Amino acid sequence: MKKYDNIKSLSITELQEQINDSEKTLQRLKFSHRLTPLENPMQIRGLRKQIARLYTLLAAKQS
């Protein structure tokens, strides 16, 4: 679970900041993909999955 290991050590505030940054990046990628197709549209899927991982970890740490 390499993708999960590097975010496990983040605090709750760091997780929230990471989520906000990732969501802004996702929004920017989606917008640019609508205008001109991205070379690698799989970036959008990967970023959505990363945001889901962050939300899952945040929920686990808050409870």
Foldseek 3Di string as FASTA:
>chain_A
DVLLVVCLPDDLVRLVVVLVVLVVVLVVQVVVCVVPNDPDPCVNVVSVVSSVSSVVSNVVVVD
